[in-house]
Amino acid sequence: MALSFGVTVLPDPPYSRFLELIVLAESQGFDYGWTYDSHVLWQESFPLLTMAAERTSTMKLGHCVTNPGTREPTVLASGYATLHDISDGRMVMGIGRGDSARRYIGQQPVKVAEFERRLQMIKEFMNGRAVDWNDKELQLKWVRPELPEIPVWVAGYGPKALAVAGRVGDGVIIQLADPVIIQWIMDTARKAAEEAGRDPAELKCIVSAPSHISDDLVEARDQVRWFPAMVSNHVMDLVERYGFNSDLPQELTEYVRVRKFYDYNEHSRVGAKHGEFVTDEICDRFCVLGSADAATAKLKELESIGVDQFNIYLMTEGQERVLGAYGSDIIPQFSGVAA
């Protein structure tokens, strides 16, 4: 299968801007439209996804990512099942343990074992199957049986979260574009899938990262320093648990040694102060930067190691320009049509 393309647009006011960019992305050939789910930092995303479903016709839609902590699991499942009906079968769920959505309101990410328990239920329940939950048998009896299943793609970096992706998920969401780390993450998740008696080859790989298409690399890197800083939140959790001298790849952990702080008020914002520790090398490894040709070369490399989807975090400046460059110069290179 050829590499597919997605885009993540913040649910930032005005909501009309979110819709403009999603509609534009669909017209440029993007297959997936994603948004964040952090209901205090940004606007509530479910109404925006509903509007996006009504304004698009082919694009698959979902959160990158939601969580089963701030969202009570039966409510989350029902929300997705409803949107699946509205969109005529175009929903895909990205889910994690909860970072900004949880921490910003004074809660910690959902514990891994509880995350797995909730995930198993959500996957069955939103797809119309009966579940046993809170000592009750529940079923969404109105789910349309003719629609395709809603897949669940799990975001994670550490061995425990990745094992959940392997046992329960349909794929893994990886928030960085470094081939070495991607391969380690997918190997870890696929090993868990195999141990659970699942086909590890069925596990999809979705890479999410900013992409700034420009001949000015200095400017491009400055547009994305916030992103490795955002990733460092998850890496710090891992270092706290496993230490720096663990089996985790050094390509993932080493750069956070010089991190000083993180301010969620500047979460995913260009120019965020907490991104100042991020080096040019890390920007280049974690993101897809440079000319259209340079970006295409990196994406071809990602495709060659088994990445199924590249999802642009569209939180840089010049958003229309980036979508346009992908539509005209980059996506056509991956259409699967023989030369």
Protein backbone atom coordinates (compact mmCIF):
# COMPACT_ATOMS: atom_id res chain seq x y z
CA MET A 1 0.00 0.00 0.00
CA ALA A 2 1.18 3.52 -0.80
CA LEU A 3 1.80 5.95 2.06
CA SER A 4 -1.38 7.84 2.98
CA PHE A 5 -1.50 11.40 4.31
CA GLY A 6 -3.27 13.03 7.22
CA VAL A 7 -3.34 16.46 8.81
CA THR A 8 -3.97 17.51 12.41
CA VAL A 9 -5.56 20.95 12.85
CA LEU A 10 -5.94 22.53 16.31
CA PRO A 11 -9.51 23.16 17.55
CA ASP A 12 -8.45 26.77 18.06
CA PRO A 13 -10.90 29.65 17.73
CA PRO A 14 -12.26 30.75 15.39
CA TYR A 15 -13.77 27.31 14.68
CA SER A 16 -14.32 28.43 11.07
CA ARG A 17 -10.54 28.37 10.57
CA PHE A 18 -10.38 24.70 11.62
CA LEU A 19 -13.09 23.88 9.06
CA GLU A 20 -11.38 25.92 6.30
CA LEU A 21 -8.13 23.99 6.74
CA ILE A 22 -9.80 20.57 6.93
CA VAL A 23 -11.80 21.25 3.74
CA LEU A 24 -8.66 22.56 2.00
CA ALA A 25 -6.69 19.47 3.07
CA GLU A 26 -9.33 17.16 1.60
CA SER A 27 -9.20 19.08 -1.70
CA GLN A 28 -5.39 18.68 -1.74
CA GLY A 29 -5.61 14.90 -1.49
CA PHE A 30 -5.25 14.28 2.25
CA ASP A 31 -6.93 11.04 3.38
CA TYR A 32 -7.27 11.82 7.12
CA GLY A 33 -8.33 14.89 9.11
CA TRP A 34 -7.39 14.87 12.79
CA THR A 35 -7.71 17.25 15.72
CA TYR A 36 -6.45 17.52 19.30
CA ASP A 37 -8.69 16.71 22.26
CA SER A 38 -7.68 19.10 25.05
CA HIS A 39 -10.94 20.76 26.03
CA VAL A 40 -9.60 23.62 28.21
CA LEU A 41 -6.56 24.67 26.16
CA TRP A 42 -8.70 24.71 23.00
CA GLN A 43 -12.33 24.48 21.99
CA GLU A 44 -14.35 21.31 22.59
CA SER A 45 -13.54 19.12 19.60
CA PHE A 46 -16.63 16.92 19.17
CA PRO A 47 -18.84 19.69 17.69
CA LEU A 48 -15.98 20.60 15.34
CA LEU A 49 -15.62 17.00 14.14
CA THR A 50 -19.38 16.93 13.55
CA MET A 51 -19.13 20.02 11.36
CA ALA A 52 -16.09 18.59 9.58
CA ALA A 53 -18.05 15.41 8.82
CA GLU A 54 -20.75 17.50 7.17
CA ARG A 55 -18.30 19.56 5.09
CA THR A 56 -16.13 16.70 3.82
CA SER A 57 -17.00 13.61 1.80
CA THR A 58 -14.00 11.27 1.58
CA MET A 59 -11.66 12.18 4.42
CA LYS A 60 -11.56 9.97 7.51
CA LEU A 61 -11.84 11.93 10.76
CA GLY A 62 -10.82 11.51 14.37
CA HIS A 63 -8.79 12.68 17.38
CA CYS A 64 -5.04 12.56 17.47
CA VAL A 65 -5.56 11.81 20.31
CA THR A 66 -8.46 11.47 22.73
CA ASN A 67 -8.24 9.69 26.09
CA PRO A 68 -10.58 7.54 28.24
CA GLY A 69 -9.97 9.62 31.39
CA THR A 70 -11.40 13.08 30.75
CA ARG A 71 -13.86 11.28 28.44
CA GLU A 72 -15.93 8.72 30.36
CA PRO A 73 -15.52 5.56 28.23
CA THR A 74 -19.20 4.95 27.37
CA VAL A 75 -19.63 8.62 26.42
CA LEU A 76 -16.50 8.53 24.25
CA ALA A 77 -17.65 5.36 22.50
CA SER A 78 -21.15 6.73 21.90
CA GLY A 79 -19.69 9.98 20.55
CA TYR A 80 -17.62 8.10 18.00
CA ALA A 81 -20.46 5.76 17.03
CA THR A 82 -22.71 8.79 16.48
CA LEU A 83 -20.08 10.54 14.36
CA HIS A 84 -19.58 7.30 12.41
CA ASP A 85 -23.27 7.44 11.51
CA ILE A 86 -23.14 11.16 10.61
CA SER A 87 -20.00 10.71 8.48
CA ASP A 88 -21.29 7.51 6.87
CA GLY A 89 -18.48 5.35 8.22
CA ARG A 90 -15.49 7.72 8.14
CA MET A 91 -14.38 7.79 11.80
CA VAL A 92 -11.00 6.59 13.10
CA MET A 93 -10.00 6.85 16.76
CA GLY A 94 -6.57 7.91 17.97
CA ILE A 95 -6.29 7.40 21.72
CA GLY A 96 -3.68 7.74 24.47
CA ARG A 97 -3.51 7.90 28.24
CA GLY A 98 -4.02 11.68 28.31
CA ASP A 99 -1.35 14.39 28.41
CA SER A 100 -2.40 18.05 28.19
CA ALA A 101 -6.13 17.27 28.52
CA ARG A 102 -5.48 15.59 31.88
CA ARG A 103 -2.47 17.45 33.30
CA TYR A 104 -3.91 20.90 32.60
CA ILE A 105 -6.89 20.16 34.87
CA GLY A 106 -4.72 18.65 37.61
CA GLN A 107 -5.04 14.96 36.72
CA GLN A 108 -2.39 12.42 35.75
CA PRO A 109 -2.47 10.24 32.63
CA VAL A 110 -4.69 7.15 33.02
CA LYS A 111 -2.68 4.25 34.47
CA VAL A 112 -1.64 1.71 31.83
CA ALA A 113 -3.65 -1.27 33.13
CA GLU A 114 -6.81 0.83 33.46
CA PHE A 115 -6.16 2.35 30.03
CA GLU A 116 -6.08 -1.13 28.52
CA ARG A 117 -9.30 -2.19 30.30
CA ARG A 118 -11.16 0.91 29.08
CA LEU A 119 -9.74 0.59 25.58
CA GLN A 120 -10.93 -2.99 25.19
CA MET A 121 -14.45 -1.94 26.14
CA ILE A 122 -14.52 1.18 23.94
CA LYS A 123 -13.41 -0.76 20.86
CA GLU A 124 -16.20 -3.32 21.25
CA PHE A 125 -18.91 -0.91 22.42
CA MET A 126 -18.55 1.78 19.73
CA ASN A 127 -18.64 -0.92 17.05
CA GLY A 128 -22.02 -2.16 18.22
CA ARG A 129 -21.03 -5.21 20.25
CA ALA A 130 -22.37 -5.95 23.75
CA VAL A 131 -19.99 -5.28 26.66
CA ASP A 132 -20.00 -6.00 30.37
CA TRP A 133 -19.26 -2.67 32.08
CA ASN A 134 -19.83 -1.59 35.67
CA ASP A 135 -21.53 -4.98 36.27
CA LYS A 136 -24.05 -4.27 33.54
CA GLU A 137 -24.40 -5.59 30.01
CA LEU A 138 -24.53 -2.62 27.66
CA GLN A 139 -24.92 -2.26 23.91
CA LEU A 140 -25.33 0.59 21.43
CA LYS A 141 -28.23 -1.07 19.63
CA TRP A 142 -28.53 1.73 17.08
CA VAL A 143 -25.06 1.24 15.53
CA ARG A 144 -25.41 0.64 11.77
CA PRO A 145 -24.09 -2.87 11.09
CA GLU A 146 -23.29 -2.15 7.43
CA LEU A 147 -20.64 0.48 8.28
CA PRO A 148 -16.94 -0.48 8.50
CA GLU A 149 -15.45 -0.95 11.98
CA ILE A 150 -14.02 2.14 13.67
CA PRO A 151 -10.31 1.32 14.12
CA VAL A 152 -8.45 2.28 17.30
CA TRP A 153 -4.90 3.57 16.96
CA VAL A 154 -2.94 3.86 20.20
CA ALA A 155 -0.38 6.60 20.94
CA GLY A 156 2.59 5.63 23.07
CA TYR A 157 6.36 5.58 23.51
CA GLY A 158 7.10 3.29 26.45
CA PRO A 159 7.11 -0.53 26.48
CA LYS A 160 3.92 -0.80 28.57
CA ALA A 161 1.76 1.53 26.46
CA LEU A 162 3.15 -0.03 23.27
CA ALA A 163 2.26 -3.48 24.57
CA VAL A 164 -1.35 -2.26 24.95
CA ALA A 165 -1.24 -1.05 21.33
CA GLY A 166 -0.05 -4.50 20.28
CA ARG A 167 -2.67 -6.40 22.29
CA VAL A 168 -5.71 -4.20 21.68
CA GLY A 169 -5.03 -1.54 19.03
CA ASP A 170 -5.31 -1.62 15.26
CA GLY A 171 -2.23 0.56 14.96
CA VAL A 172 0.31 2.77 16.71
CA ILE A 173 0.47 6.59 16.61
CA ILE A 174 4.10 7.74 16.85
CA GLN A 175 4.68 11.45 17.48
CA LEU A 176 8.05 11.83 15.74
CA ALA A 177 9.56 11.08 12.33
CA ASP A 178 12.88 9.48 13.35
CA PRO A 179 13.27 6.14 11.49
CA VAL A 180 15.42 4.51 14.22
CA ILE A 181 12.89 5.26 16.98
CA ILE A 182 9.93 4.33 14.75
CA GLN A 183 11.40 0.89 14.09
CA TRP A 184 12.05 0.28 17.80
CA ILE A 185 8.48 1.37 18.67
CA MET A 186 6.87 -0.85 16.03
CA ASP A 187 9.07 -3.84 16.96
CA THR A 188 8.00 -3.43 20.60
CA ALA A 189 4.28 -3.20 19.75
CA ARG A 190 4.41 -6.05 17.22
CA LYS A 191 6.14 -8.36 19.71
CA ALA A 192 3.22 -7.80 22.10
CA ALA A 193 0.73 -8.43 19.28
CA GLU A 194 2.44 -11.71 18.46
CA GLU A 195 2.49 -12.79 22.11
CA ALA A 196 -1.25 -12.06 22.27
CA GLY A 197 -1.88 -14.32 19.27
CA ARG A 198 -2.57 -11.45 16.88
CA ASP A 199 -1.01 -10.92 13.46
CA PRO A 200 1.77 -8.35 14.07
CA ALA A 201 1.81 -7.40 10.38
CA GLU A 202 -1.76 -6.08 10.71
CA LEU A 203 -0.65 -3.34 13.14
CA LYS A 204 -0.63 -0.02 11.27
CA CYS A 205 2.04 2.63 11.79
CA ILE A 206 0.94 6.29 11.84
CA VAL A 207 3.70 8.91 12.13
CA SER A 208 2.61 12.36 13.35
CA ALA A 209 4.96 15.36 13.17
CA PRO A 210 5.13 18.93 11.88
CA SER A 211 6.29 19.50 8.32
CA HIS A 212 7.43 22.89 7.10
CA ILE A 213 8.17 23.10 3.38
CA SER A 214 10.71 25.84 2.80
CA ASP A 215 14.19 26.34 1.32
CA ASP A 216 15.05 28.31 4.47
CA LEU A 217 16.00 25.56 6.94
CA VAL A 218 16.80 28.01 9.73
CA GLU A 219 13.25 29.35 9.57
CA ALA A 220 11.76 25.86 9.20
CA ARG A 221 13.51 24.62 12.35
CA ASP A 222 12.33 27.64 14.34
CA GLN A 223 8.77 26.83 13.28
CA VAL A 224 8.95 23.38 14.88
CA ARG A 225 11.10 23.57 18.05
CA TRP A 226 7.92 23.37 20.13
CA PHE A 227 7.33 19.81 18.84
CA PRO A 228 10.33 17.87 20.23
CA ALA A 229 9.71 19.86 23.44
CA MET A 230 6.14 18.52 23.47
CA VAL A 231 7.43 14.97 22.88
CA SER A 232 9.84 15.48 25.80
CA ASN A 233 6.88 15.43 28.23
CA HIS A 234 6.35 11.76 27.40
CA VAL A 235 10.08 11.04 27.33
CA MET A 236 10.54 12.56 30.82
CA ASP A 237 7.87 10.20 32.15
CA LEU A 238 9.83 7.27 30.66
CA VAL A 239 13.17 8.48 32.03
CA GLU A 240 11.59 8.85 35.47
CA ARG A 241 10.43 5.24 35.29
CA TYR A 242 13.36 3.54 33.51
CA GLY A 243 16.33 5.94 33.88
CA PHE A 244 18.69 7.10 31.13
CA ASN A 245 20.62 3.80 31.00
CA SER A 246 17.71 1.54 30.01
CA ASP A 247 16.76 -0.45 26.92
CA LEU A 248 14.97 2.60 25.52
CA PRO A 249 16.73 3.94 22.41
CA GLN A 250 19.16 6.75 23.22
CA GLU A 251 17.91 8.54 20.11
CA LEU A 252 14.68 9.06 22.10
CA THR A 253 15.95 9.82 25.60
CA GLU A 254 19.30 11.60 25.33
CA TYR A 255 18.04 15.00 24.14
CA VAL A 256 15.89 15.63 27.24
CA ARG A 257 18.92 15.79 29.58
CA VAL A 258 19.14 19.54 28.95
CA ARG A 259 15.40 20.24 29.15
CA LYS A 260 14.55 22.85 31.79
CA PHE A 261 10.75 23.24 31.93
CA TYR A 262 7.47 22.91 30.06
CA ASP A 263 4.60 25.41 30.01
CA TYR A 264 1.27 23.91 28.90
CA ASN A 265 -0.02 27.43 28.21
CA GLU A 266 2.32 27.37 25.19
CA HIS A 267 1.50 23.76 24.23
CA SER A 268 1.94 23.25 20.46
CA ARG A 269 2.70 26.94 19.86
CA VAL A 270 5.39 28.23 17.49
CA GLY A 271 8.02 30.14 19.47
CA ALA A 272 7.20 28.45 22.80
CA LYS A 273 9.97 29.31 25.30
CA HIS A 274 10.22 25.70 26.48
CA GLY A 275 11.45 24.71 23.00
CA GLU A 276 14.69 26.69 23.28
CA PHE A 277 16.69 23.61 24.39
CA VAL A 278 15.85 21.70 21.19
CA THR A 279 18.79 21.46 18.77
CA ASP A 280 18.69 21.75 14.97
CA GLU A 281 19.62 18.05 14.73
CA ILE A 282 16.59 17.03 16.80
CA CYS A 283 14.29 19.25 14.69
CA ASP A 284 15.59 17.53 11.54
CA ARG A 285 15.21 14.03 12.98
CA PHE A 286 11.78 14.46 14.57
CA CYS A 287 10.13 16.53 11.79
CA VAL A 288 9.89 16.64 7.98
CA LEU A 289 11.55 19.88 6.87
CA GLY A 290 13.09 21.60 3.86
CA SER A 291 12.25 21.70 0.18
CA ALA A 292 9.50 19.53 -1.35
CA ASP A 293 12.23 17.24 -2.70
CA ALA A 294 13.90 16.90 0.72
CA ALA A 295 10.54 16.19 2.37
CA THR A 296 9.67 13.61 -0.31
CA ALA A 297 13.02 11.85 0.23
CA LYS A 298 12.41 11.59 3.98
CA LEU A 299 8.84 10.38 3.47
CA LYS A 300 10.07 7.74 1.00
CA GLU A 301 12.45 6.55 3.73
CA LEU A 302 9.57 6.36 6.22
CA GLU A 303 7.47 4.45 3.69
CA SER A 304 10.35 2.00 3.14
CA ILE A 305 10.42 1.07 6.86
CA GLY A 306 6.68 0.36 6.90
CA VAL A 307 5.03 3.66 7.86
CA ASP A 308 1.39 3.56 6.64
CA GLN A 309 0.39 7.19 7.21
CA PHE A 310 2.21 10.48 7.64
CA ASN A 311 0.10 12.96 9.59
CA ILE A 312 1.20 16.63 9.51
CA TYR A 313 0.83 18.55 12.77
CA LEU A 314 -0.30 21.77 11.08
CA MET A 315 0.65 24.18 13.87
CA THR A 316 3.30 26.13 11.98
CA GLU A 317 2.89 29.38 10.05
CA GLY A 318 1.96 29.37 6.35
CA GLN A 319 -0.56 26.55 6.72
CA GLU A 320 -2.16 26.94 3.29
CA ARG A 321 1.30 26.95 1.72
CA VAL A 322 2.25 23.67 3.42
CA LEU A 323 -1.02 21.98 2.38
CA GLY A 324 -0.60 23.31 -1.17
CA ALA A 325 2.99 22.04 -1.43
CA TYR A 326 1.86 18.59 -0.32
CA GLY A 327 -1.09 18.62 -2.72
CA SER A 328 0.88 19.67 -5.78
CA ASP A 329 4.42 18.34 -5.21
CA ILE A 330 4.51 15.61 -2.56
CA ILE A 331 1.32 13.51 -2.32
CA PRO A 332 1.32 12.74 -6.09
CA GLN A 333 4.73 11.04 -5.57
CA PHE A 334 3.00 8.47 -3.33
CA SER A 335 -0.16 7.77 -5.26
CA GLY A 336 0.87 4.20 -6.02
CA VAL A 337 0.62 4.80 -9.79
CA ALA A 338 3.41 3.09 -11.71
CA ALA A 339 5.76 5.52 -13.45
